[in-house]
Protein backbone atom coordinates (compact mmCIF):
# COMPACT_ATOMS: atom_id res chain seq x y z
CA MET A 1 20.67 -3.77 16.86
CA ASN A 2 23.89 -5.56 17.52
CA VAL A 3 26.71 -3.80 19.36
CA GLN A 4 29.09 -3.96 16.39
CA LEU A 5 26.61 -2.16 14.11
CA ARG A 6 25.82 0.42 16.77
CA ASN A 7 29.52 1.17 17.27
CA ARG A 8 30.05 1.51 13.51
CA LEU A 9 27.15 3.95 13.32
CA LEU A 10 28.48 5.98 16.25
CA ASP A 11 31.87 6.20 14.54
CA LEU A 12 30.17 7.29 11.33
CA TYR A 13 28.26 9.98 13.22
CA GLN A 14 31.53 11.37 14.59
CA GLU A 15 32.99 11.42 11.08
CA PHE A 16 29.97 13.33 9.75
CA HIS A 17 29.96 15.69 12.75
CA ASP A 18 33.65 16.48 12.25
CA TYR A 19 33.01 17.20 8.56
CA ASP A 20 30.15 19.57 9.38
CA ALA A 21 32.43 21.51 11.73
CA THR A 22 34.61 22.43 8.73
CA GLN A 23 31.72 23.77 6.64
CA PRO A 24 30.71 27.42 7.18
CA ASP A 25 27.78 27.08 4.74
CA ARG A 26 25.02 25.15 6.53
CA LEU A 27 23.65 23.86 3.21
CA LYS A 28 26.93 22.06 2.57
CA ARG A 29 26.79 20.31 5.95
CA TRP A 30 25.23 16.87 6.41
CA ARG A 31 23.17 18.14 9.36
CA ASN A 32 22.57 14.65 10.66
CA VAL A 33 20.23 13.79 13.48
CA GLU A 34 22.08 13.22 16.76
CA SER A 35 22.95 9.64 17.67
CA GLU A 36 20.61 9.62 20.66
CA SER A 37 17.72 10.75 18.44
CA ALA A 38 18.56 8.05 15.88
CA LEU A 39 18.57 5.46 18.66
CA PHE A 40 15.22 6.74 19.92
CA LEU A 41 13.74 6.38 16.42
CA ALA A 42 15.09 2.84 16.12
CA ILE A 43 13.56 1.93 19.48
CA LEU A 44 10.25 3.53 18.49
CA VAL A 45 10.09 1.54 15.23
CA ARG A 46 10.79 -1.68 17.12
CA SER A 47 8.39 -0.99 19.99
CA LYS A 48 5.56 -0.09 17.58
CA GLN A 49 6.50 -3.03 15.35
CA ALA A 50 6.23 -0.48 12.55
CA LYS A 51 5.91 -2.02 9.09
CA GLN A 52 5.68 1.14 6.96
CA VAL A 53 8.05 3.99 7.79
CA LEU A 54 8.54 7.26 5.92
CA GLU A 55 11.60 9.48 6.34
CA ILE A 56 11.53 13.01 4.94
CA GLY A 57 15.08 14.29 4.63
CA THR A 58 17.60 11.53 3.89
CA SER A 59 20.73 13.68 3.62
CA ASN A 60 23.67 11.24 3.56
CA GLY A 61 21.65 8.46 5.17
CA PHE A 62 22.75 8.49 8.81
CA SER A 63 19.23 8.33 10.27
CA THR A 64 18.24 6.14 7.33
CA LEU A 65 20.72 3.48 8.48
CA TRP A 66 19.19 3.37 11.96
CA LEU A 67 15.66 3.22 10.55
CA ALA A 68 16.67 0.57 8.00
CA ASP A 69 18.08 -1.65 10.72
CA ALA A 70 14.88 -1.19 12.73
CA VAL A 71 12.53 -2.05 9.83
CA THR A 72 14.67 -5.09 9.09
CA ALA A 73 13.94 -6.23 12.65
CA THR A 74 10.19 -5.64 12.22
CA GLN A 75 10.08 -7.08 8.68
CA GLY A 76 8.90 -3.65 7.58
CA PHE A 77 9.86 -1.22 4.84
CA LEU A 78 11.33 2.29 4.79
CA THR A 79 10.75 4.97 2.17
CA SER A 80 13.24 7.85 2.44
CA LEU A 81 12.90 11.14 0.55
CA GLU A 82 15.71 13.46 -0.48
CA ILE A 83 15.61 16.32 -2.99
CA ASP A 84 19.35 16.27 -3.77
CA PRO A 85 20.28 13.36 -6.09
CA SER A 86 23.91 13.32 -4.96
CA ARG A 87 22.83 12.88 -1.35
CA THR A 88 20.42 10.12 -2.33
CA ALA A 89 23.32 8.31 -4.04
CA ILE A 90 25.54 8.70 -0.98
CA ALA A 91 22.80 7.34 1.30
CA GLN A 92 22.21 4.37 -1.01
CA ASN A 93 25.93 3.63 -0.99
CA TYR A 94 26.01 3.60 2.83
CA LEU A 95 22.95 1.36 2.94
CA ARG A 96 24.71 -1.12 0.63
CA GLN A 97 27.94 -0.94 2.65
CA PHE A 98 26.05 -1.74 5.84
CA GLY A 99 23.94 -4.43 4.16
CA LEU A 100 20.72 -2.55 4.97
CA ASP A 101 19.46 -1.67 1.48
CA GLU A 102 17.01 -4.54 1.03
CA ARG A 103 14.09 -2.95 2.87
CA VAL A 104 14.65 0.68 1.85
CA ASN A 105 13.54 2.74 -1.11
CA CYS A 106 15.48 6.02 -1.36
CA LEU A 107 13.66 8.45 -3.61
CA THR A 108 14.99 11.69 -5.05
CA ILE A 109 11.87 13.81 -4.94
CA ASP A 110 10.53 17.03 -3.51
CA ALA A 111 8.71 16.08 -0.30
CA ALA A 112 5.79 18.43 -1.06
CA HIS A 113 5.26 16.66 -4.39
CA PHE A 114 5.48 13.23 -2.76
CA LEU A 115 3.08 14.19 0.04
CA ALA A 116 0.55 15.55 -2.47
CA GLN A 117 0.12 12.04 -3.88
CA ASN A 118 -2.13 9.40 -2.32
CA HIS A 119 -0.31 7.02 -0.02
CA PRO A 120 -1.20 4.09 2.19
CA PRO A 121 -0.88 4.82 5.90
CA TYR A 122 2.50 4.88 7.59
CA ASP A 123 3.11 3.59 11.08
CA LEU A 124 5.83 6.18 11.61
CA ILE A 125 6.92 9.32 9.75
CA PHE A 126 10.21 11.02 10.58
CA LEU A 127 10.52 14.65 9.45
CA ASP A 128 14.01 16.15 9.35
CA ALA A 129 14.15 18.42 6.30
CA GLU A 130 14.19 22.16 5.62
CA ARG A 131 12.26 23.60 8.55
CA SER A 132 10.78 26.42 6.46
CA ALA A 133 8.68 23.81 4.62
CA TYR A 134 7.18 22.09 7.66
CA LEU A 135 4.03 24.22 7.88
CA ALA A 136 3.22 23.59 4.21
CA TYR A 137 3.71 19.83 4.77
CA TRP A 138 1.35 19.73 7.74
CA PRO A 139 -2.03 19.13 5.98
CA ALA A 140 -0.67 16.06 4.16
CA LEU A 141 1.23 14.83 7.21
CA LYS A 142 -1.88 15.19 9.35
CA GLN A 143 -3.92 13.24 6.83
CA LEU A 144 -1.32 10.46 6.82
CA ILE A 145 -1.08 10.09 10.60
CA CYS A 146 -4.86 10.30 11.04
CA GLN A 147 -5.51 7.47 8.56
CA GLN A 148 -4.92 4.79 11.16
CA ALA A 149 -4.78 4.56 14.92
CA GLY A 150 -1.26 4.47 16.31
CA SER A 151 0.42 6.26 13.41
CA SER A 152 2.98 8.81 14.60
CA LEU A 153 4.94 11.75 13.27
CA VAL A 154 8.35 12.53 14.80
CA VAL A 155 9.87 15.93 13.99
CA ASP A 156 13.51 16.83 14.70
CA ASN A 157 15.03 20.15 15.85
CA VAL A 158 12.01 21.48 17.71
CA ILE A 159 14.08 22.62 20.70
CA SER A 160 17.32 23.65 18.99
CA HIS A 161 15.52 25.62 16.25
CA ARG A 162 12.25 26.41 18.01
CA ALA A 163 11.98 29.89 16.51
CA GLU A 164 12.16 28.47 12.99
CA VAL A 165 9.30 26.02 13.63
CA SER A 166 7.16 28.13 15.97
CA ASP A 167 4.28 28.55 13.48
CA PHE A 168 4.36 24.82 12.74
CA LEU A 169 4.29 23.97 16.45
CA ALA A 170 1.47 26.44 17.11
CA THR A 171 -0.60 24.97 14.28
CA ILE A 172 -0.23 21.46 15.68
CA GLU A 173 -0.94 22.61 19.22
CA ALA A 174 -4.19 24.27 18.06
CA ASP A 175 -5.32 21.19 16.12
CA ALA A 176 -7.88 19.21 18.15
CA ASP A 177 -7.50 16.16 15.90
CA VAL A 178 -3.98 15.42 17.16
CA ILE A 179 -1.99 15.32 20.37
CA ALA A 180 1.70 16.15 20.60
CA THR A 181 4.56 16.35 23.03
CA THR A 182 8.17 17.43 22.85
CA ILE A 183 10.92 15.30 24.33
CA ALA A 184 14.40 16.58 25.13
CA VAL A 185 16.36 14.05 23.10
CA GLY A 186 19.06 15.32 20.74
CA ALA A 187 17.95 18.62 19.24
CA GLY A 188 14.42 18.04 20.52
CA LEU A 189 11.85 15.68 19.05
CA LEU A 190 8.16 16.43 18.65
CA ILE A 191 5.91 13.37 18.62
CA VAL A 192 2.44 13.76 17.12
CA THR A 193 -0.38 11.23 16.85
CA LYS A 194 -4.13 11.19 16.31
CA SER A 195 -6.09 12.26 19.40
């Protein structure tokens, strides 16, 4: 990632963060991943040389921009899921503005419906959606990351909103087929892979 792009993205994050501070209703906020978490994801995509990346929870496309730049570097492809069509359109607009739309498919779809379909394996899956749905997503997510060695799931907000994802975390911890760890980056990232 070049310095100019990184600085533009950091400025954009501040703009989104300032907007969220004016919104009392959390559902009207962008609720973007923190910049340091976005950078971590971009590094992870590059270090894994990930070719197929799935993002669940596009919002306005802030994390999508970082992932799109990373898959451009790896000659990979990103699929990003968002249930709100207006947010999908906003994300697509930002991707075009930044010249990062070529290797991204933004879909307006319920993640549970998408995950219920058969998919080829993903090298990396980033989950940053409504936390109340995580536990229901787990069987499909587990199947996806266990399809191939080295596939990983990264989940946001596991420190900042631990109480909201405690059942999800306990289910993963009790699952002998996977190993997981939490890292204190941004709001807390859980990384899960096949054991």
